[in-house]
Amino acid sequence: MAIAIAYGERLAQKGGNIDVDGIHELMMGYPSHSFAIDRKEAQAMFHDVRAPEGAIAEVVNCLGSWPSSIEAMAGPCIQLSPFPFLDKELLHGHQ
């Protein structure tokens, strides 16, 4: 856990979107990586949290229930989700 906190603190300094207290809350306040954090909780820890828009929102809509559909399958699975657009926003980050 100490290693994760040390890395998190370094990433927080570089990214500037969360402070050290937020890193400690993420590391100690949630039981696992799969524990969902809603937007309200995220806004309490991170400085810049917003609803997806533009190309990012389109990706979210295309994925839909993709994770739960894979979990429901009994065996190995390959699922391709082609996106009907190519947007510089996806290639160079959301601004």
PDB file of N, CA and C in Angstrom:
ATOM      1  N   MET A   1       0.823  -1.191   0.000  1.00  0.00           N
ATOM      2  CA  MET A   1       0.000   0.000   0.000  1.00  0.00           C
ATOM      3  C   MET A   1       0.869   1.258   0.000  1.00  0.00           C
ATOM      4  N   ALA A   2       1.990   1.202   0.706  1.00  0.00           N
ATOM      5  CA  ALA A   2       2.896   2.353   0.755  1.00  0.00           C
ATOM      6  C   ALA A   2       3.441   2.687  -0.637  1.00  0.00           C
ATOM      7  N   ILE A   3       3.710   1.649  -1.441  1.00  0.00           N
ATOM      8  CA  ILE A   3       4.203   1.875  -2.800  1.00  0.00           C
ATOM      9  C   ILE A   3       3.126   2.574  -3.633  1.00  0.00           C
ATOM     10  N   ALA A   4       1.894   2.119  -3.526  1.00  0.00           N
ATOM     11  CA  ALA A   4       0.794   2.731  -4.281  1.00  0.00           C
ATOM     12  C   ALA A   4       0.609   4.191  -3.892  1.00  0.00           C
ATOM     13  N   ILE A   5       0.691   4.485  -2.613  1.00  0.00           N
ATOM     14  CA  ILE A   5       0.554   5.871  -2.146  1.00  0.00           C
ATOM     15  C   ILE A   5       1.700   6.721  -2.680  1.00  0.00           C
ATOM     16  N   ALA A   6       2.923   6.200  -2.641  1.00  0.00           N
ATOM     17  CA  ALA A   6       4.075   6.957  -3.147  1.00  0.00           C
ATOM     18  C   ALA A   6       3.923   7.264  -4.631  1.00  0.00           C
ATOM     19  N   TYR A   7       3.507   6.275  -5.422  1.00  0.00           N
ATOM     20  CA  TYR A   7       3.269   6.519  -6.848  1.00  0.00           C
ATOM     21  C   TYR A   7       2.128   7.516  -7.048  1.00  0.00           C
ATOM     22  N   GLY A   8       1.068   7.347  -6.292  1.00  0.00           N
ATOM     23  CA  GLY A   8      -0.073   8.253  -6.398  1.00  0.00           C
ATOM     24  C   GLY A   8       0.301   9.690  -6.098  1.00  0.00           C
ATOM     25  N   GLU A   9       1.119   9.900  -5.074  1.00  0.00           N
ATOM     26  CA  GLU A   9       1.561  11.249  -4.730  1.00  0.00           C
ATOM     27  C   GLU A   9       2.374  11.861  -5.870  1.00  0.00           C
ATOM     28  N   ARG A  10       3.220  11.063  -6.496  1.00  0.00           N
ATOM     29  CA  ARG A  10       4.020  11.559  -7.627  1.00  0.00           C
ATOM     30  C   ARG A  10       3.122  11.895  -8.824  1.00  0.00           C
ATOM     31  N   LEU A  11       2.152  11.027  -9.107  1.00  0.00           N
ATOM     32  CA  LEU A  11       1.222  11.298 -10.200  1.00  0.00           C
ATOM     33  C   LEU A  11       0.377  12.538  -9.914  1.00  0.00           C
ATOM     34  N   ALA A  12      -0.003  12.720  -8.665  1.00  0.00           N
ATOM     35  CA  ALA A  12      -0.797  13.889  -8.286  1.00  0.00           C
ATOM     36  C   ALA A  12      -0.008  15.172  -8.516  1.00  0.00           C
ATOM     37  N   GLN A  13       1.269  15.157  -8.173  1.00  0.00           N
ATOM     38  CA  GLN A  13       2.110  16.332  -8.403  1.00  0.00           C
ATOM     39  C   GLN A  13       2.215  16.643  -9.886  1.00  0.00           C
ATOM     40  N   LYS A  14       2.397  15.615 -10.684  1.00  0.00           N
ATOM     41  CA  LYS A  14       2.560  15.806 -12.123  1.00  0.00           C
ATOM     42  C   LYS A  14       1.247  16.238 -12.786  1.00  0.00           C
ATOM     43  N   GLY A  15       0.152  15.578 -12.443  1.00  0.00           N
ATOM     44  CA  GLY A  15      -1.126  15.852 -13.090  1.00  0.00           C
ATOM     45  C   GLY A  15      -1.847  17.080 -12.562  1.00  0.00           C
ATOM     46  N   GLY A  16      -1.706  17.350 -11.279  1.00  0.00           N
ATOM     47  CA  GLY A  16      -2.326  18.525 -10.689  1.00  0.00           C
ATOM     48  C   GLY A  16      -3.841  18.462 -10.516  1.00  0.00           C
ATOM     49  N   ASN A  17      -4.434  17.285 -10.674  1.00  0.00           N
ATOM     50  CA  ASN A  17      -5.890  17.191 -10.585  1.00  0.00           C
ATOM     51  C   ASN A  17      -6.362  16.672  -9.224  1.00  0.00           C
ATOM     52  N   ILE A  18      -5.442  16.292  -8.370  1.00  0.00           N
ATOM     53  CA  ILE A  18      -5.787  15.754  -7.055  1.00  0.00           C
ATOM     54  C   ILE A  18      -4.667  16.115  -6.094  1.00  0.00           C
ATOM     55  N   ASP A  19      -5.008  16.324  -4.845  1.00  0.00           N
ATOM     56  CA  ASP A  19      -3.967  16.616  -3.868  1.00  0.00           C
ATOM     57  C   ASP A  19      -3.644  15.365  -3.054  1.00  0.00           C
ATOM     58  N   VAL A  20      -2.674  15.474  -2.176  1.00  0.00           N
ATOM     59  CA  VAL A  20      -2.208  14.323  -1.398  1.00  0.00           C
ATOM     60  C   VAL A  20      -3.334  13.737  -0.553  1.00  0.00           C
ATOM     61  N   ASP A  21      -4.201  14.574   0.012  1.00  0.00           N
ATOM     62  CA  ASP A  21      -5.331  14.058   0.801  1.00  0.00           C
ATOM     63  C   ASP A  21      -6.255  13.202  -0.064  1.00  0.00           C
ATOM     64  N   GLY A  22      -6.469  13.627  -1.298  1.00  0.00           N
ATOM     65  CA  GLY A  22      -7.295  12.855  -2.218  1.00  0.00           C
ATOM     66  C   GLY A  22      -6.680  11.505  -2.539  1.00  0.00           C
ATOM     67  N   ILE A  23      -5.364  11.479  -2.715  1.00  0.00           N
ATOM     68  CA  ILE A  23      -4.656  10.212  -2.966  1.00  0.00           C
ATOM     69  C   ILE A  23      -4.853   9.267  -1.787  1.00  0.00           C
ATOM     70  N   HIS A  24      -4.692   9.780  -0.591  1.00  0.00           N
ATOM     71  CA  HIS A  24      -4.863   8.934   0.604  1.00  0.00           C
ATOM     72  C   HIS A  24      -6.308   8.427   0.716  1.00  0.00           C
ATOM     73  N   GLU A  25      -7.279   9.263   0.362  1.00  0.00           N
ATOM     74  CA  GLU A  25      -8.684   8.833   0.380  1.00  0.00           C
ATOM     75  C   GLU A  25      -8.909   7.716  -0.636  1.00  0.00           C
ATOM     76  N   LEU A  26      -8.345   7.856  -1.840  1.00  0.00           N
ATOM     77  CA  LEU A  26      -8.483   6.800  -2.847  1.00  0.00           C
ATOM     78  C   LEU A  26      -7.853   5.494  -2.374  1.00  0.00           C
ATOM     79  N   MET A  27      -6.697   5.575  -1.765  1.00  0.00           N
ATOM     80  CA  MET A  27      -5.975   4.363  -1.354  1.00  0.00           C
ATOM     81  C   MET A  27      -6.601   3.682  -0.141  1.00  0.00           C
ATOM     82  N   MET A  28      -7.093   4.470   0.783  1.00  0.00           N
ATOM     83  CA  MET A  28      -7.553   3.894   2.044  1.00  0.00           C
ATOM     84  C   MET A  28      -9.081   3.810   2.158  1.00  0.00           C
ATOM     85  N   GLY A  29      -9.802   4.602   1.360  1.00  0.00           N
ATOM     86  CA  GLY A  29     -11.246   4.705   1.533  1.00  0.00           C
ATOM     87  C   GLY A  29     -12.081   3.775   0.671  1.00  0.00           C
ATOM     88  N   TYR A  30     -11.428   3.000  -0.208  1.00  0.00           N
ATOM     89  CA  TYR A  30     -12.171   2.125  -1.106  1.00  0.00           C
ATOM     90  C   TYR A  30     -11.602   0.717  -1.017  1.00  0.00           C
ATOM     91  N   PRO A  31     -12.467  -0.290  -0.923  1.00  0.00           N
ATOM     92  CA  PRO A  31     -12.015  -1.653  -0.652  1.00  0.00           C
ATOM     93  C   PRO A  31     -11.315  -2.364  -1.804  1.00  0.00           C
ATOM     94  N   SER A  32     -11.548  -1.937  -3.062  1.00  0.00           N
ATOM     95  CA  SER A  32     -10.926  -2.636  -4.188  1.00  0.00           C
ATOM     96  C   SER A  32     -10.934  -1.747  -5.422  1.00  0.00           C
ATOM     97  N   HIS A  33     -10.190  -2.175  -6.450  1.00  0.00           N
ATOM     98  CA  HIS A  33     -10.154  -1.436  -7.712  1.00  0.00           C
ATOM     99  C   HIS A  33     -11.516  -1.430  -8.393  1.00  0.00           C
ATOM    100  N   SER A  34     -12.326  -2.428  -8.150  1.00  0.00           N
ATOM    101  CA  SER A  34     -13.617  -2.521  -8.823  1.00  0.00           C
ATOM    102  C   SER A  34     -14.716  -1.720  -8.119  1.00  0.00           C
ATOM    103  N   PHE A  35     -14.391  -1.077  -7.021  1.00  0.00           N
ATOM    104  CA  PHE A  35     -15.375  -0.289  -6.282  1.00  0.00           C
ATOM    105  C   PHE A  35     -15.668   0.982  -7.070  1.00  0.00           C
ATOM    106  N   ALA A  36     -16.923   1.198  -7.438  1.00  0.00           N
ATOM    107  CA  ALA A  36     -17.300   2.349  -8.266  1.00  0.00           C
ATOM    108  C   ALA A  36     -17.307   3.642  -7.464  1.00  0.00           C
ATOM    109  N   ILE A  37     -16.819   4.690  -8.083  1.00  0.00           N
ATOM    110  CA  ILE A  37     -16.850   6.032  -7.509  1.00  0.00           C
ATOM    111  C   ILE A  37     -17.733   6.870  -8.423  1.00  0.00           C
ATOM    112  N   ASP A  38     -18.798   7.436  -7.874  1.00  0.00           N
ATOM    113  CA  ASP A  38     -19.670   8.243  -8.724  1.00  0.00           C
ATOM    114  C   ASP A  38     -19.098   9.652  -8.881  1.00  0.00           C
ATOM    115  N   ARG A  39     -19.724  10.426  -9.748  1.00  0.00           N
ATOM    116  CA  ARG A  39     -19.206  11.759 -10.057  1.00  0.00           C
ATOM    117  C   ARG A  39     -19.158  12.648  -8.820  1.00  0.00           C
ATOM    118  N   LYS A  40     -20.157  12.547  -7.955  1.00  0.00           N
ATOM    119  CA  LYS A  40     -20.183  13.384  -6.748  1.00  0.00           C
ATOM    120  C   LYS A  40     -18.984  13.081  -5.843  1.00  0.00           C
ATOM    121  N   GLU A  41     -18.691  11.799  -5.661  1.00  0.00           N
ATOM    122  CA  GLU A  41     -17.518  11.417  -4.860  1.00  0.00           C
ATOM    123  C   GLU A  41     -16.227  11.878  -5.535  1.00  0.00           C
ATOM    124  N   ALA A  42     -16.162  11.699  -6.846  1.00  0.00           N
ATOM    125  CA  ALA A  42     -14.960  12.105  -7.583  1.00  0.00           C
ATOM    126  C   ALA A  42     -14.734  13.608  -7.448  1.00  0.00           C
ATOM    127  N   GLN A  43     -15.812  14.395  -7.489  1.00  0.00           N
ATOM    128  CA  GLN A  43     -15.683  15.846  -7.369  1.00  0.00           C
ATOM    129  C   GLN A  43     -15.170  16.259  -5.997  1.00  0.00           C
ATOM    130  N   ALA A  44     -15.401  15.436  -4.987  1.00  0.00           N
ATOM    131  CA  ALA A  44     -14.894  15.736  -3.647  1.00  0.00           C
ATOM    132  C   ALA A  44     -13.381  15.492  -3.552  1.00  0.00           C
ATOM    133  N   MET A  45     -12.833  14.652  -4.450  1.00  0.00           N
ATOM    134  CA  MET A  45     -11.402  14.338  -4.404  1.00  0.00           C
ATOM    135  C   MET A  45     -10.588  15.035  -5.487  1.00  0.00           C
ATOM    136  N   PHE A  46     -11.163  15.139  -6.696  1.00  0.00           N
ATOM    137  CA  PHE A  46     -10.429  15.681  -7.834  1.00  0.00           C
ATOM    138  C   PHE A  46     -10.846  17.115  -8.113  1.00  0.00           C
ATOM    139  N   HIS A  47      -9.946  17.892  -8.705  1.00  0.00           N
ATOM    140  CA  HIS A  47     -10.222  19.292  -9.006  1.00  0.00           C
ATOM    141  C   HIS A  47     -11.059  19.450 -10.282  1.00  0.00           C
ATOM    142  N   ASP A  48     -10.849  18.592 -11.277  1.00  0.00           N
ATOM    143  CA  ASP A  48     -11.538  18.717 -12.558  1.00  0.00           C
ATOM    144  C   ASP A  48     -12.299  17.429 -12.862  1.00  0.00           C
ATOM    145  N   VAL A  49     -13.596  17.452 -12.598  1.00  0.00           N
ATOM    146  CA  VAL A  49     -14.469  16.305 -12.863  1.00  0.00           C
ATOM    147  C   VAL A  49     -15.682  16.845 -13.609  1.00  0.00           C
ATOM    148  N   ARG A  50     -16.005  16.227 -14.729  1.00  0.00           N
ATOM    149  CA  ARG A  50     -17.150  16.688 -15.516  1.00  0.00           C
ATOM    150  C   ARG A  50     -17.767  15.524 -16.275  1.00  0.00           C
ATOM    151  N   ALA A  51     -18.962  15.726 -16.717  1.00  0.00           N
ATOM    152  CA  ALA A  51     -19.651  14.709 -17.520  1.00  0.00           C
ATOM    153  C   ALA A  51     -18.952  14.589 -18.871  1.00  0.00           C
ATOM    154  N   PRO A  52     -18.892  13.379 -19.427  1.00  0.00           N
ATOM    155  CA  PRO A  52     -18.280  13.230 -20.749  1.00  0.00           C
ATOM    156  C   PRO A  52     -19.094  13.974 -21.804  1.00  0.00           C
ATOM    157  N   GLU A  53     -18.380  14.547 -22.764  1.00  0.00           N
ATOM    158  CA  GLU A  53     -19.057  15.245 -23.862  1.00  0.00           C
ATOM    159  C   GLU A  53     -18.275  15.029 -25.148  1.00  0.00           C
ATOM    160  N   GLY A  54     -18.891  15.337 -26.244  1.00  0.00           N
ATOM    161  CA  GLY A  54     -18.239  15.202 -27.541  1.00  0.00           C
ATOM    162  C   GLY A  54     -17.893  13.756 -27.851  1.00  0.00           C
ATOM    163  N   ALA A  55     -16.691  13.551 -28.383  1.00  0.00           N
ATOM    164  CA  ALA A  55     -16.258  12.216 -28.791  1.00  0.00           C
ATOM    165  C   ALA A  55     -16.186  11.261 -27.617  1.00  0.00           C
ATOM    166  N   ILE A  56     -15.820  11.742 -26.450  1.00  0.00           N
ATOM    167  CA  ILE A  56     -15.740  10.879 -25.264  1.00  0.00           C
ATOM    168  C   ILE A  56     -17.132  10.363 -24.916  1.00  0.00           C
ATOM    169  N   ALA A  57     -18.137  11.207 -24.991  1.00  0.00           N
ATOM    170  CA  ALA A  57     -19.512  10.771 -24.726  1.00  0.00           C
ATOM    171  C   ALA A  57     -19.954   9.731 -25.755  1.00  0.00           C
ATOM    172  N   GLU A  58     -19.524   9.892 -27.010  1.00  0.00           N
ATOM    173  CA  GLU A  58     -19.876   8.912 -28.036  1.00  0.00           C
ATOM    174  C   GLU A  58     -19.273   7.547 -27.728  1.00  0.00           C
ATOM    175  N   VAL A  59     -18.032   7.538 -27.246  1.00  0.00           N
ATOM    176  CA  VAL A  59     -17.397   6.266 -26.872  1.00  0.00           C
ATOM    177  C   VAL A  59     -18.183   5.618 -25.748  1.00  0.00           C
ATOM    178  N   VAL A  60     -18.551   6.390 -24.734  1.00  0.00           N
ATOM    179  CA  VAL A  60     -19.331   5.861 -23.611  1.00  0.00           C
ATOM    180  C   VAL A  60     -20.641   5.268 -24.120  1.00  0.00           C
ATOM    181  N   ASN A  61     -21.312   5.964 -25.024  1.00  0.00           N
ATOM    182  CA  ASN A  61     -22.578   5.463 -25.571  1.00  0.00           C
ATOM    183  C   ASN A  61     -22.373   4.193 -26.392  1.00  0.00           C
ATOM    184  N   CYS A  62     -21.279   4.129 -27.157  1.00  0.00           N
ATOM    185  CA  CYS A  62     -21.008   2.932 -27.960  1.00  0.00           C
ATOM    186  C   CYS A  62     -20.721   1.722 -27.080  1.00  0.00           C
ATOM    187  N   LEU A  63     -20.051   1.947 -25.974  1.00  0.00           N
ATOM    188  CA  LEU A  63     -19.717   0.827 -25.085  1.00  0.00           C
ATOM    189  C   LEU A  63     -20.953   0.321 -24.349  1.00  0.00           C
ATOM    190  N   GLY A  64     -21.855   1.223 -24.005  1.00  0.00           N
ATOM    191  CA  GLY A  64     -23.101   0.839 -23.342  1.00  0.00           C
ATOM    192  C   GLY A  64     -22.880  -0.101 -22.172  1.00  0.00           C
ATOM    193  N   SER A  65     -23.433  -1.295 -22.257  1.00  0.00           N
ATOM    194  CA  SER A  65     -23.317  -2.264 -21.162  1.00  0.00           C
ATOM    195  C   SER A  65     -22.217  -3.284 -21.447  1.00  0.00           C
ATOM    196  N   TRP A  66     -21.208  -2.897 -22.208  1.00  0.00           N
ATOM    197  CA  TRP A  66     -20.151  -3.804 -22.615  1.00  0.00           C
ATOM    198  C   TRP A  66     -19.521  -4.591 -21.464  1.00  0.00           C
ATOM    199  N   PRO A  67     -19.073  -3.979 -20.365  1.00  0.00           N
ATOM    200  CA  PRO A  67     -18.461  -4.802 -19.305  1.00  0.00           C
ATOM    201  C   PRO A  67     -19.401  -5.857 -18.737  1.00  0.00           C
ATOM    202  N   SER A  68     -20.654  -5.510 -18.473  1.00  0.00           N
ATOM    203  CA  SER A  68     -21.565  -6.487 -17.879  1.00  0.00           C
ATOM    204  C   SER A  68     -21.914  -7.593 -18.867  1.00  0.00           C
ATOM    205  N   SER A  69     -21.928  -7.297 -20.167  1.00  0.00           N
ATOM    206  CA  SER A  69     -22.237  -8.344 -21.143  1.00  0.00           C
ATOM    207  C   SER A  69     -21.119  -9.376 -21.204  1.00  0.00           C
ATOM    208  N   ILE A  70     -19.885  -8.963 -21.018  1.00  0.00           N
ATOM    209  CA  ILE A  70     -18.766  -9.908 -21.015  1.00  0.00           C
ATOM    210  C   ILE A  70     -18.777 -10.737 -19.729  1.00  0.00           C
ATOM    211  N   GLU A  71     -19.063 -10.103 -18.598  1.00  0.00           N
ATOM    212  CA  GLU A  71     -19.100 -10.827 -17.331  1.00  0.00           C
ATOM    213  C   GLU A  71     -20.145 -11.937 -17.356  1.00  0.00           C
ATOM    214  N   ALA A  72     -21.223 -11.744 -18.109  1.00  0.00           N
ATOM    215  CA  ALA A  72     -22.308 -12.721 -18.151  1.00  0.00           C
ATOM    216  C   ALA A  72     -21.957 -13.951 -18.996  1.00  0.00           C
ATOM    217  N   MET A  73     -20.926 -13.873 -19.797  1.00  0.00           N
ATOM    218  CA  MET A  73     -20.566 -14.997 -20.659  1.00  0.00           C
ATOM    219  C   MET A  73     -19.835 -16.077 -19.858  1.00  0.00           C
ATOM    220  N   ALA A  74     -20.046 -17.310 -20.240  1.00  0.00           N
ATOM    221  CA  ALA A  74     -19.484 -18.435 -19.487  1.00  0.00           C
ATOM    222  C   ALA A  74     -18.017 -18.699 -19.810  1.00  0.00           C
ATOM    223  N   GLY A  75     -17.564 -18.388 -21.001  1.00  0.00           N
ATOM    224  CA  GLY A  75     -16.202 -18.722 -21.397  1.00  0.00           C
ATOM    225  C   GLY A  75     -15.464 -17.529 -21.955  1.00  0.00           C
ATOM    226  N   PRO A  76     -14.314 -17.799 -22.556  1.00  0.00           N
ATOM    227  CA  PRO A  76     -13.529 -16.716 -23.164  1.00  0.00           C
ATOM    228  C   PRO A  76     -14.327 -16.005 -24.253  1.00  0.00           C
ATOM    229  N   CYS A  77     -14.020 -14.767 -24.468  1.00  0.00           N
ATOM    230  CA  CYS A  77     -14.800 -13.966 -25.403  1.00  0.00           C
ATOM    231  C   CYS A  77     -13.915 -12.930 -26.069  1.00  0.00           C
ATOM    232  N   ILE A  78     -14.165 -12.680 -27.337  1.00  0.00           N
ATOM    233  CA  ILE A  78     -13.558 -11.548 -28.029  1.00  0.00           C
ATOM    234  C   ILE A  78     -14.717 -10.722 -28.550  1.00  0.00           C
ATOM    235  N   GLN A  79     -14.749  -9.465 -28.172  1.00  0.00           N
ATOM    236  CA  GLN A  79     -15.816  -8.586 -28.631  1.00  0.00           C
ATOM    237  C   GLN A  79     -15.169  -7.352 -29.224  1.00  0.00           C
ATOM    238  N   LEU A  80     -15.494  -7.048 -30.464  1.00  0.00           N
ATOM    239  CA  LEU A  80     -14.989  -5.853 -31.120  1.00  0.00           C
ATOM    240  C   LEU A  80     -16.059  -4.783 -31.083  1.00  0.00           C
ATOM    241  N   SER A  81     -15.653  -3.586 -30.701  1.00  0.00           N
ATOM    242  CA  SER A  81     -16.595  -2.466 -30.661  1.00  0.00           C
ATOM    243  C   SER A  81     -16.051  -1.356 -31.548  1.00  0.00           C
ATOM    244  N   PRO A  82     -16.302  -1.444 -32.861  1.00  0.00           N
ATOM    245  CA  PRO A  82     -15.802  -0.385 -33.742  1.00  0.00           C
ATOM    246  C   PRO A  82     -16.584   0.901 -33.514  1.00  0.00           C
ATOM    247  N   PHE A  83     -15.870   2.008 -33.471  1.00  0.00           N
ATOM    248  CA  PHE A  83     -16.516   3.293 -33.281  1.00  0.00           C
ATOM    249  C   PHE A  83     -16.721   3.932 -34.647  1.00  0.00           C
ATOM    250  N   PRO A  84     -17.894   4.486 -34.881  1.00  0.00           N
ATOM    251  CA  PRO A  84     -18.242   5.000 -36.206  1.00  0.00           C
ATOM    252  C   PRO A  84     -17.636   6.370 -36.506  1.00  0.00           C
ATOM    253  N   PHE A  85     -16.549   6.735 -35.864  1.00  0.00           N
ATOM    254  CA  PHE A  85     -15.944   8.035 -36.101  1.00  0.00           C
ATOM    255  C   PHE A  85     -14.460   7.976 -35.742  1.00  0.00           C
ATOM    256  N   LEU A  86     -13.713   8.902 -36.257  1.00  0.00           N
ATOM    257  CA  LEU A  86     -12.311   9.079 -35.883  1.00  0.00           C
ATOM    258  C   LEU A  86     -12.183  10.550 -35.551  1.00  0.00           C
ATOM    259  N   ASP A  87     -11.898  10.847 -34.348  1.00  0.00           N
ATOM    260  CA  ASP A  87     -11.921  12.218 -33.885  1.00  0.00           C
ATOM    261  C   ASP A  87     -10.595  12.554 -33.229  1.00  0.00           C
ATOM    262  N   LYS A  88     -10.011  13.703 -33.570  1.00  0.00           N
ATOM    263  CA  LYS A  88      -8.739  14.097 -32.974  1.00  0.00           C
ATOM    264  C   LYS A  88      -8.844  14.219 -31.455  1.00  0.00           C
ATOM    265  N   GLU A  89     -10.063  14.451 -30.958  1.00  0.00           N
ATOM    266  CA  GLU A  89     -10.295  14.528 -29.518  1.00  0.00           C
ATOM    267  C   GLU A  89      -9.930  13.210 -28.842  1.00  0.00           C
ATOM    268  N   LEU A  90     -10.209  12.094 -29.501  1.00  0.00           N
ATOM    269  CA  LEU A  90      -9.881  10.783 -28.944  1.00  0.00           C
ATOM    270  C   LEU A  90      -8.391  10.496 -29.065  1.00  0.00           C
ATOM    271  N   LEU A  91      -7.771  10.993 -30.117  1.00  0.00           N
ATOM    272  CA  LEU A  91      -6.357  10.704 -30.344  1.00  0.00           C
ATOM    273  C   LEU A  91      -5.436  11.564 -29.487  1.00  0.00           C
ATOM    274  N   HIS A  92      -5.881  12.758 -29.152  1.00  0.00           N
ATOM    275  CA  HIS A  92      -4.998  13.697 -28.456  1.00  0.00           C
ATOM    276  C   HIS A  92      -5.504  14.122 -27.085  1.00  0.00           C
ATOM    277  N   GLY A  93      -6.522  13.491 -26.592  1.00  0.00           N
ATOM    278  CA  GLY A  93      -7.026  13.792 -25.252  1.00  0.00           C
ATOM    279  C   GLY A  93      -8.155  14.806 -25.270  1.00  0.00           C
ATOM    280  N   HIS A  94      -9.003  14.702 -24.280  1.00  0.00           N
ATOM    281  CA  HIS A  94     -10.174  15.572 -24.131  1.00  0.00           C
ATOM    282  C   HIS A  94      -9.721  16.880 -23.498  1.00  0.00           C
ATOM    283  N   GLN A  95     -10.178  17.997 -24.051  1.00  0.00           N
ATOM    284  CA  GLN A  95      -9.786  19.288 -23.477  1.00  0.00           C
ATOM    285  C   GLN A  95     -10.962  20.086 -23.047  1.00  0.00           C
TER     286      GLN A  95
END
